[in-house]
Amino acid sequence: MADREFIDNRMSWDEYFMQMAELTSKRSTCLRRCVGAVIVKDKHVIATGYNGAPKGLKHCGELGGCLREKLHVPSGQRHELCRALHAEQNAIIQAATLGQSIEGGTIYITNSPCSICAKMIINAGLKRIVVREGYPDELSKEILEEAQMDIEYLPKEEVTEHGDH
């Protein structure tokens, strides 16, 4: 047995935390797009967030639908016309509420950040952004480029029931 080379079939750290973001997105109350975010520092989860109405307020589904849908607002535009906070915002707020520094950390998000979240990510001192899918917000891309922050896209891995890729 000593002559056999060990093969580590575990998923990567990035995939591990991205799957946590995907699980977190399942708590979303948004009727248009379910997004999850996980903030990690030194391979430890610091905070999570999903998109939804502020604490104690009714969700769009309870109010008869999405205001953005009713007003025909395209994705990636007019973010102020929404009851919900974004997943990234909720994760940053959760870290602040718990007194946890996220400076220098990584944020894993199921979708690329909008321009508002991009600005929050920059000011929070997060150094790395890993996403599963894009989002149609050109201003966000420009802001992140100017801040010299790259969005790293993590394609979905094929995972068998035994965890092998």
N, C-alpha and C. Protein backbone atom coordinates (compact mmCIF):
# COMPACT_ATOMS: atom_id res chain seq x y z
N MET A 1 0.81 -1.20 0.00
CA MET A 1 0.00 0.00 0.00
C MET A 1 0.85 1.26 0.00
N ALA A 2 2.03 1.23 0.58
CA ALA A 2 2.87 2.41 0.69
C ALA A 2 3.33 2.91 -0.68
N ASP A 3 3.36 2.04 -1.69
CA ASP A 3 3.81 2.42 -3.03
C ASP A 3 2.74 3.16 -3.82
N ARG A 4 1.50 3.10 -3.39
CA ARG A 4 0.40 3.74 -4.13
C ARG A 4 0.39 5.24 -3.85
N GLU A 5 0.21 6.00 -4.91
CA GLU A 5 0.13 7.45 -4.76
C GLU A 5 -1.27 7.84 -4.32
N PHE A 6 -1.35 8.69 -3.32
CA PHE A 6 -2.65 9.15 -2.82
C PHE A 6 -3.26 10.14 -3.81
N ILE A 7 -4.51 9.92 -4.15
CA ILE A 7 -5.24 10.82 -5.02
C ILE A 7 -6.37 11.45 -4.21
N ASP A 8 -6.33 12.76 -4.11
CA ASP A 8 -7.34 13.49 -3.34
C ASP A 8 -8.50 13.83 -4.28
N ASN A 9 -9.62 13.14 -4.10
CA ASN A 9 -10.78 13.34 -4.96
C ASN A 9 -11.77 14.36 -4.42
N ARG A 10 -11.38 15.04 -3.34
CA ARG A 10 -12.30 16.02 -2.78
C ARG A 10 -12.45 17.22 -3.71
N MET A 11 -13.60 17.89 -3.59
CA MET A 11 -13.80 19.11 -4.38
C MET A 11 -12.82 20.18 -3.90
N SER A 12 -12.57 21.13 -4.77
CA SER A 12 -11.67 22.24 -4.43
C SER A 12 -12.31 23.11 -3.36
N TRP A 13 -11.50 23.93 -2.68
CA TRP A 13 -12.03 24.88 -1.71
C TRP A 13 -13.01 25.83 -2.38
N ASP A 14 -12.66 26.30 -3.58
CA ASP A 14 -13.56 27.22 -4.29
C ASP A 14 -14.92 26.56 -4.55
N GLU A 15 -14.92 25.33 -5.00
CA GLU A 15 -16.18 24.63 -5.26
C GLU A 15 -16.96 24.41 -3.96
N TYR A 16 -16.27 24.08 -2.91
CA TYR A 16 -16.89 23.86 -1.59
C TYR A 16 -17.65 25.11 -1.15
N PHE A 17 -16.98 26.28 -1.21
CA PHE A 17 -17.63 27.50 -0.77
C PHE A 17 -18.70 27.97 -1.76
N MET A 18 -18.49 27.70 -3.05
CA MET A 18 -19.52 28.07 -4.04
C MET A 18 -20.78 27.24 -3.82
N GLN A 19 -20.63 25.97 -3.50
CA GLN A 19 -21.81 25.16 -3.23
C GLN A 19 -22.54 25.65 -1.98
N MET A 20 -21.80 26.19 -1.02
CA MET A 20 -22.45 26.82 0.14
C MET A 20 -23.26 28.03 -0.30
N ALA A 21 -22.71 28.82 -1.23
CA ALA A 21 -23.43 29.98 -1.75
C ALA A 21 -24.70 29.52 -2.47
N GLU A 22 -24.59 28.45 -3.23
CA GLU A 22 -25.77 27.92 -3.94
C GLU A 22 -26.82 27.44 -2.95
N LEU A 23 -26.40 26.78 -1.88
CA LEU A 23 -27.34 26.34 -0.85
C LEU A 23 -27.99 27.55 -0.18
N THR A 24 -27.19 28.57 0.10
CA THR A 24 -27.70 29.79 0.73
C THR A 24 -28.75 30.46 -0.16
N SER A 25 -28.55 30.40 -1.47
CA SER A 25 -29.50 31.02 -2.41
C SER A 25 -30.90 30.42 -2.32
N LYS A 26 -30.99 29.21 -1.81
CA LYS A 26 -32.29 28.54 -1.69
C LYS A 26 -33.18 29.19 -0.61
N ARG A 27 -32.62 30.09 0.20
CA ARG A 27 -33.40 30.85 1.18
C ARG A 27 -33.95 32.15 0.58
N SER A 28 -33.55 32.48 -0.63
CA SER A 28 -33.96 33.72 -1.28
C SER A 28 -35.48 33.81 -1.39
N THR A 29 -35.98 35.04 -1.25
CA THR A 29 -37.41 35.26 -1.42
C THR A 29 -37.70 36.02 -2.72
N CYS A 30 -36.66 36.29 -3.51
CA CYS A 30 -36.83 37.03 -4.76
C CYS A 30 -37.58 36.17 -5.77
N LEU A 31 -38.50 36.81 -6.48
CA LEU A 31 -39.30 36.09 -7.48
C LEU A 31 -38.60 36.04 -8.84
N ARG A 32 -37.55 36.83 -9.03
CA ARG A 32 -36.86 36.90 -10.32
C ARG A 32 -35.58 36.09 -10.37
N ARG A 33 -34.76 36.18 -9.32
CA ARG A 33 -33.44 35.55 -9.34
C ARG A 33 -33.03 35.23 -7.91
N CYS A 34 -32.73 33.96 -7.66
CA CYS A 34 -32.29 33.55 -6.33
C CYS A 34 -30.76 33.58 -6.29
N VAL A 35 -30.22 34.43 -5.41
CA VAL A 35 -28.77 34.62 -5.33
C VAL A 35 -28.31 34.35 -3.91
N GLY A 36 -27.16 33.70 -3.79
CA GLY A 36 -26.55 33.45 -2.50
C GLY A 36 -25.12 33.95 -2.50
N ALA A 37 -24.63 34.33 -1.31
CA ALA A 37 -23.25 34.80 -1.16
C ALA A 37 -22.67 34.24 0.14
N VAL A 38 -21.39 33.93 0.08
CA VAL A 38 -20.66 33.45 1.25
C VAL A 38 -19.34 34.22 1.30
N ILE A 39 -19.05 34.82 2.45
CA ILE A 39 -17.78 35.52 2.64
C ILE A 39 -16.87 34.62 3.46
N VAL A 40 -15.66 34.44 2.94
CA VAL A 40 -14.70 33.51 3.52
C VAL A 40 -13.38 34.23 3.78
N LYS A 41 -12.76 33.88 4.90
CA LYS A 41 -11.44 34.40 5.22
C LYS A 41 -10.62 33.26 5.80
N ASP A 42 -9.46 33.03 5.25
CA ASP A 42 -8.57 31.95 5.72
C ASP A 42 -9.30 30.60 5.77
N LYS A 43 -10.08 30.32 4.74
CA LYS A 43 -10.83 29.06 4.59
C LYS A 43 -11.88 28.84 5.68
N HIS A 44 -12.35 29.94 6.28
CA HIS A 44 -13.42 29.89 7.26
C HIS A 44 -14.57 30.78 6.82
N VAL A 45 -15.79 30.29 6.93
CA VAL A 45 -16.96 31.08 6.57
C VAL A 45 -17.16 32.15 7.64
N ILE A 46 -17.24 33.41 7.19
CA ILE A 46 -17.44 34.54 8.09
C ILE A 46 -18.91 34.95 8.10
N ALA A 47 -19.55 34.94 6.91
CA ALA A 47 -20.95 35.39 6.82
C ALA A 47 -21.58 34.83 5.55
N THR A 48 -22.90 34.76 5.58
CA THR A 48 -23.67 34.34 4.39
C THR A 48 -24.78 35.36 4.15
N GLY A 49 -25.30 35.37 2.95
CA GLY A 49 -26.43 36.23 2.63
C GLY A 49 -27.17 35.74 1.41
N TYR A 50 -28.43 36.06 1.36
CA TYR A 50 -29.25 35.78 0.18
C TYR A 50 -30.12 36.99 -0.07
N ASN A 51 -30.66 37.10 -1.28
CA ASN A 51 -31.46 38.28 -1.60
C ASN A 51 -32.89 38.11 -1.08
N GLY A 52 -33.38 39.19 -0.48
CA GLY A 52 -34.73 39.19 0.07
C GLY A 52 -35.04 40.49 0.78
N ALA A 53 -36.28 40.66 1.16
CA ALA A 53 -36.74 41.87 1.84
C ALA A 53 -36.03 42.03 3.18
N PRO A 54 -35.93 43.26 3.67
CA PRO A 54 -35.34 43.48 5.00
C PRO A 54 -36.08 42.71 6.08
N LYS A 55 -35.38 42.45 7.18
CA LYS A 55 -35.94 41.71 8.32
C LYS A 55 -37.31 42.26 8.71
N GLY A 56 -38.25 41.36 8.88
CA GLY A 56 -39.57 41.73 9.38
C GLY A 56 -40.51 42.34 8.36
N LEU A 57 -40.02 42.61 7.14
CA LEU A 57 -40.88 43.19 6.11
C LEU A 57 -41.41 42.10 5.19
N LYS A 58 -42.53 42.38 4.57
CA LYS A 58 -43.14 41.41 3.67
C LYS A 58 -42.30 41.23 2.40
N HIS A 59 -42.33 40.01 1.91
CA HIS A 59 -41.64 39.68 0.67
C HIS A 59 -42.56 40.00 -0.50
N CYS A 60 -41.96 40.15 -1.67
CA CYS A 60 -42.74 40.48 -2.87
C CYS A 60 -43.88 39.49 -3.12
N GLY A 61 -43.60 38.22 -2.86
CA GLY A 61 -44.64 37.21 -3.05
C GLY A 61 -45.84 37.44 -2.15
N GLU A 62 -45.62 38.00 -0.98
CA GLU A 62 -46.71 38.30 -0.04
C GLU A 62 -47.46 39.57 -0.43
N LEU A 63 -46.84 40.37 -1.30
CA LEU A 63 -47.44 41.64 -1.71
C LEU A 63 -48.03 41.60 -3.12
N GLY A 64 -48.14 40.42 -3.67
CA GLY A 64 -48.78 40.29 -4.97
C GLY A 64 -47.85 40.35 -6.17
N GLY A 65 -46.55 40.27 -5.95
CA GLY A 65 -45.63 40.20 -7.08
C GLY A 65 -44.46 41.16 -6.99
N CYS A 66 -43.64 41.07 -7.98
CA CYS A 66 -42.40 41.84 -8.05
C CYS A 66 -42.65 43.21 -8.69
N LEU A 67 -42.26 44.26 -7.99
CA LEU A 67 -42.41 45.63 -8.50
C LEU A 67 -41.63 45.81 -9.79
N ARG A 68 -40.43 45.25 -9.85
CA ARG A 68 -39.59 45.37 -11.05
C ARG A 68 -40.26 44.72 -12.27
N GLU A 69 -40.89 43.58 -12.03
CA GLU A 69 -41.62 42.91 -13.12
C GLU A 69 -42.79 43.76 -13.58
N LYS A 70 -43.54 44.29 -12.61
CA LYS A 70 -44.71 45.11 -12.93
C LYS A 70 -44.31 46.35 -13.73
N LEU A 71 -43.13 46.93 -13.43
CA LEU A 71 -42.65 48.12 -14.12
C LEU A 71 -41.80 47.81 -15.35
N HIS A 72 -41.62 46.52 -15.65
CA HIS A 72 -40.83 46.06 -16.79
C HIS A 72 -39.39 46.58 -16.75
N VAL A 73 -38.80 46.57 -15.55
CA VAL A 73 -37.42 47.00 -15.38
C VAL A 73 -36.49 45.85 -15.79
N PRO A 74 -35.59 46.10 -16.74
CA PRO A 74 -34.66 45.03 -17.16
C PRO A 74 -33.68 44.67 -16.05
N SER A 75 -33.21 43.45 -16.09
CA SER A 75 -32.20 42.99 -15.15
C SER A 75 -30.96 43.86 -15.28
N GLY A 76 -30.33 44.18 -14.16
CA GLY A 76 -29.11 44.97 -14.18
C GLY A 76 -29.31 46.47 -14.19
N GLN A 77 -30.57 46.93 -14.09
CA GLN A 77 -30.86 48.36 -14.13
C GLN A 77 -31.80 48.74 -12.99
N ARG A 78 -31.73 50.01 -12.58
CA ARG A 78 -32.67 50.59 -11.60
C ARG A 78 -32.80 49.74 -10.33
N HIS A 79 -31.69 49.43 -9.71
CA HIS A 79 -31.67 48.58 -8.52
C HIS A 79 -32.46 49.17 -7.35
N GLU A 80 -32.64 50.48 -7.36
CA GLU A 80 -33.38 51.12 -6.26
C GLU A 80 -34.87 50.76 -6.29
N LEU A 81 -35.34 50.24 -7.42
CA LEU A 81 -36.75 49.85 -7.53
C LEU A 81 -36.95 48.39 -7.15
N CYS A 82 -36.54 48.08 -5.93
CA CYS A 82 -36.64 46.70 -5.46
C CYS A 82 -36.76 46.71 -3.94
N ARG A 83 -37.62 45.87 -3.39
CA ARG A 83 -37.78 45.75 -1.94
C ARG A 83 -36.60 45.03 -1.30
N ALA A 84 -35.94 44.20 -2.07
CA ALA A 84 -34.94 43.30 -1.51
C ALA A 84 -33.55 43.93 -1.40
N LEU A 85 -32.81 43.41 -0.45
CA LEU A 85 -31.37 43.63 -0.42
C LEU A 85 -30.75 42.49 -1.20
N HIS A 86 -29.59 42.74 -1.76
CA HIS A 86 -28.90 41.70 -2.52
C HIS A 86 -28.14 40.78 -1.56
N ALA A 87 -27.81 39.60 -2.04
CA ALA A 87 -27.11 38.60 -1.23
C ALA A 87 -25.79 39.15 -0.69
N GLU A 88 -25.04 39.86 -1.53
CA GLU A 88 -23.76 40.43 -1.12
C GLU A 88 -23.96 41.45 0.00
N GLN A 89 -24.99 42.29 -0.14
CA GLN A 89 -25.29 43.29 0.88
C GLN A 89 -25.62 42.61 2.20
N ASN A 90 -26.46 41.60 2.15
CA ASN A 90 -26.85 40.90 3.37
C ASN A 90 -25.66 40.20 4.03
N ALA A 91 -24.75 39.64 3.24
CA ALA A 91 -23.56 38.99 3.81
C ALA A 91 -22.65 40.02 4.47
N ILE A 92 -22.43 41.16 3.82
CA ILE A 92 -21.59 42.22 4.40
C ILE A 92 -22.23 42.75 5.68
N ILE A 93 -23.54 42.96 5.65
CA ILE A 93 -24.26 43.44 6.84
C ILE A 93 -24.18 42.42 7.98
N GLN A 94 -24.33 41.13 7.64
CA GLN A 94 -24.25 40.09 8.67
C GLN A 94 -22.88 40.11 9.34
N ALA A 95 -21.81 40.23 8.55
CA ALA A 95 -20.47 40.28 9.13
C ALA A 95 -20.33 41.49 10.05
N ALA A 96 -20.84 42.64 9.62
CA ALA A 96 -20.75 43.85 10.44
C ALA A 96 -21.54 43.69 11.73
N THR A 97 -22.73 43.13 11.63
CA THR A 97 -23.59 42.93 12.80
C THR A 97 -22.92 42.01 13.82
N LEU A 98 -22.19 41.03 13.31
CA LEU A 98 -21.51 40.08 14.20
C LEU A 98 -20.11 40.56 14.61
N GLY A 99 -19.69 41.73 14.10
CA GLY A 99 -18.38 42.27 14.45
C GLY A 99 -17.22 41.51 13.84
N GLN A 100 -17.44 40.94 12.66
CA GLN A 100 -16.41 40.15 11.99
C GLN A 100 -15.77 40.94 10.86
N SER A 101 -14.46 41.10 10.90
CA SER A 101 -13.76 41.76 9.80
C SER A 101 -13.74 40.84 8.58
N ILE A 102 -14.05 41.42 7.43
CA ILE A 102 -14.00 40.65 6.19
C ILE A 102 -12.89 41.18 5.27
N GLU A 103 -12.16 42.18 5.74
CA GLU A 103 -11.09 42.77 4.94
C GLU A 103 -10.08 41.70 4.55
N GLY A 104 -9.77 41.65 3.26
CA GLY A 104 -8.83 40.67 2.75
C GLY A 104 -9.46 39.34 2.39
N GLY A 105 -10.77 39.22 2.60
CA GLY A 105 -11.46 37.96 2.35
C GLY A 105 -11.90 37.77 0.91
N THR A 106 -12.58 36.67 0.69
CA THR A 106 -13.13 36.29 -0.61
C THR A 106 -14.64 36.21 -0.49
N ILE A 107 -15.34 36.68 -1.51
CA ILE A 107 -16.79 36.52 -1.54
C ILE A 107 -17.13 35.59 -2.70
N TYR A 108 -17.92 34.57 -2.38
CA TYR A 108 -18.43 33.62 -3.37
C TYR A 108 -19.89 33.98 -3.61
N ILE A 109 -20.24 34.22 -4.88
CA ILE A 109 -21.60 34.66 -5.21
C ILE A 109 -22.11 33.82 -6.37
N THR A 110 -23.37 33.46 -6.33
CA THR A 110 -23.92 32.66 -7.42
C THR A 110 -24.02 33.45 -8.72
N ASN A 111 -24.08 34.79 -8.64
CA ASN A 111 -24.10 35.66 -9.83
C ASN A 111 -23.15 36.83 -9.61
N SER A 112 -22.65 37.39 -10.69
CA SER A 112 -21.77 38.56 -10.59
C SER A 112 -22.48 39.69 -9.86
N PRO A 113 -21.73 40.52 -9.14
CA PRO A 113 -22.36 41.61 -8.39
C PRO A 113 -22.85 42.74 -9.30
N CYS A 114 -23.90 43.42 -8.85
CA CYS A 114 -24.36 44.64 -9.52
C CYS A 114 -23.41 45.78 -9.15
N SER A 115 -23.62 46.94 -9.70
CA SER A 115 -22.72 48.07 -9.43
C SER A 115 -22.76 48.51 -7.97
N ILE A 116 -23.93 48.46 -7.35
CA ILE A 116 -24.04 48.84 -5.93
C ILE A 116 -23.24 47.86 -5.07
N CYS A 117 -23.42 46.57 -5.31
CA CYS A 117 -22.71 45.56 -4.53
C CYS A 117 -21.21 45.60 -4.83
N ALA A 118 -20.84 45.89 -6.07
CA ALA A 118 -19.42 45.99 -6.42
C ALA A 118 -18.75 47.08 -5.58
N LYS A 119 -19.42 48.22 -5.43
CA LYS A 119 -18.88 49.32 -4.62
C LYS A 119 -18.77 48.91 -3.16
N MET A 120 -19.75 48.18 -2.65
CA MET A 120 -19.71 47.72 -1.27
C MET A 120 -18.57 46.72 -1.06
N ILE A 121 -18.39 45.82 -2.02
CA ILE A 121 -17.32 44.82 -1.95
C ILE A 121 -15.96 45.51 -1.90
N ILE A 122 -15.78 46.52 -2.74
CA ILE A 122 -14.51 47.26 -2.77
C ILE A 122 -14.28 47.94 -1.42
N ASN A 123 -15.27 48.67 -0.92
CA ASN A 123 -15.10 49.41 0.34
C ASN A 123 -14.99 48.50 1.55
N ALA A 124 -15.54 47.30 1.48
CA ALA A 124 -15.43 46.36 2.59
C ALA A 124 -14.04 45.73 2.64
N GLY A 125 -13.25 45.94 1.60
CA GLY A 125 -11.88 45.42 1.59
C GLY A 125 -11.76 43.98 1.14
N LEU A 126 -12.84 43.43 0.56
CA LEU A 126 -12.74 42.08 0.03
C LEU A 126 -11.75 42.09 -1.14
N LYS A 127 -10.95 41.06 -1.25
CA LYS A 127 -9.88 41.05 -2.26
C LYS A 127 -10.15 40.12 -3.44
N ARG A 128 -11.12 39.25 -3.28
CA ARG A 128 -11.36 38.25 -4.34
C ARG A 128 -12.86 38.03 -4.49
N ILE A 129 -13.30 37.94 -5.76
CA ILE A 129 -14.71 37.69 -6.07
C ILE A 129 -14.77 36.45 -6.95
N VAL A 130 -15.51 35.44 -6.50
CA VAL A 130 -15.68 34.21 -7.28
C VAL A 130 -17.16 34.05 -7.53
N VAL A 131 -17.54 33.87 -8.80
CA VAL A 131 -18.96 33.76 -9.15
C VAL A 131 -19.19 32.52 -10.02
N ARG A 132 -20.43 32.09 -10.02
CA ARG A 132 -20.82 30.95 -10.87
C ARG A 132 -21.32 31.45 -12.22
N GLU A 133 -22.14 32.52 -12.21
CA GLU A 133 -22.74 33.02 -13.45
C GLU A 133 -22.63 34.54 -13.51
N GLY A 134 -22.80 35.09 -14.70
CA GLY A 134 -22.72 36.52 -14.92
C GLY A 134 -24.00 37.25 -14.53
N TYR A 135 -23.96 38.58 -14.72
CA TYR A 135 -25.10 39.45 -14.46
C TYR A 135 -24.95 40.67 -15.37
N PRO A 136 -26.01 41.11 -16.01
CA PRO A 136 -25.90 42.17 -17.03
C PRO A 136 -25.79 43.59 -16.44
N ASP A 137 -24.62 43.92 -15.88
CA ASP A 137 -24.41 45.25 -15.33
C ASP A 137 -23.03 45.73 -15.76
N GLU A 138 -22.99 46.51 -16.82
CA GLU A 138 -21.72 46.99 -17.38
C GLU A 138 -20.99 47.93 -16.43
N LEU A 139 -21.72 48.76 -15.68
CA LEU A 139 -21.09 49.68 -14.74
C LEU A 139 -20.33 48.90 -13.67
N SER A 140 -20.89 47.81 -13.22
CA SER A 140 -20.21 46.97 -12.23
C SER A 140 -18.87 46.50 -12.75
N LYS A 141 -18.85 46.03 -13.99
CA LYS A 141 -17.60 45.56 -14.59
C LYS A 141 -16.57 46.67 -14.67
N GLU A 142 -17.02 47.87 -15.04
CA GLU A 142 -16.11 49.02 -15.14
C GLU A 142 -15.55 49.40 -13.78
N ILE A 143 -16.41 49.43 -12.77
CA ILE A 143 -15.98 49.80 -11.41
C ILE A 143 -14.95 48.80 -10.89
N LEU A 144 -15.25 47.51 -11.05
CA LEU A 144 -14.34 46.48 -10.56
C LEU A 144 -13.02 46.50 -11.32
N GLU A 145 -13.08 46.76 -12.61
CA GLU A 145 -11.86 46.86 -13.42
C GLU A 145 -11.00 48.03 -12.93
N GLU A 146 -11.62 49.17 -12.68
CA GLU A 146 -10.89 50.34 -12.19
C GLU A 146 -10.26 50.06 -10.83
N ALA A 147 -10.93 49.28 -10.01
CA ALA A 147 -10.41 48.91 -8.69
C ALA A 147 -9.40 47.76 -8.79
N GLN A 148 -9.12 47.32 -10.00
CA GLN A 148 -8.20 46.22 -10.27
C GLN A 148 -8.63 44.93 -9.57
N MET A 149 -9.93 44.71 -9.59
CA MET A 149 -10.49 43.47 -9.05
C MET A 149 -11.07 42.66 -10.20
N ASP A 150 -10.65 41.43 -10.29
CA ASP A 150 -11.16 40.54 -11.31
C ASP A 150 -12.28 39.69 -10.74
N ILE A 151 -13.25 39.40 -11.58
CA ILE A 151 -14.28 38.44 -11.23
C ILE A 151 -13.80 37.10 -11.76
N GLU A 152 -13.68 36.13 -10.88
CA GLU A 152 -13.27 34.79 -11.28
C GLU A 152 -14.53 33.95 -11.46
N TYR A 153 -14.68 33.37 -12.65
CA TYR A 153 -15.83 32.52 -12.93
C TYR A 153 -15.47 31.07 -12.61
N LEU A 154 -16.32 30.42 -11.86
CA LEU A 154 -16.11 29.04 -11.46
C LEU A 154 -17.18 28.18 -12.11
N PRO A 155 -16.82 27.49 -13.19
CA PRO A 155 -17.83 26.65 -13.84
C PRO A 155 -18.27 25.51 -12.92
N LYS A 156 -19.50 25.09 -13.12
CA LYS A 156 -20.05 24.02 -12.28
C LYS A 156 -19.31 22.72 -12.58
N GLU A 157 -18.85 22.06 -11.51
CA GLU A 157 -18.17 20.78 -11.66
C GLU A 157 -19.20 19.66 -11.72
N GLU A 158 -18.86 18.63 -12.46
CA GLU A 158 -19.68 17.42 -12.47
C GLU A 158 -19.30 16.61 -11.23
N VAL A 159 -20.24 16.39 -10.34
CA VAL A 159 -19.97 15.67 -9.10
C VAL A 159 -20.86 14.44 -9.05
N THR A 160 -20.23 13.29 -8.82
CA THR A 160 -21.01 12.05 -8.69
C THR A 160 -21.50 11.94 -7.25
N GLU A 161 -22.31 10.94 -6.98
CA GLU A 161 -22.85 10.81 -5.62
C GLU A 161 -21.75 10.46 -4.62
N HIS A 162 -20.58 9.99 -5.09
CA HIS A 162 -19.49 9.67 -4.18
C HIS A 162 -18.52 10.84 -4.03
N GLY A 163 -18.81 11.97 -4.69
CA GLY A 163 -17.96 13.14 -4.57
C GLY A 163 -16.86 13.21 -5.60
N ASP A 164 -16.74 12.17 -6.46
CA ASP A 164 -15.72 12.18 -7.50
C ASP A 164 -16.13 13.16 -8.60
N HIS A 165 -15.16 13.78 -9.24
CA HIS A 165 -15.43 14.72 -10.33
C HIS A 165 -15.38 14.00 -11.67
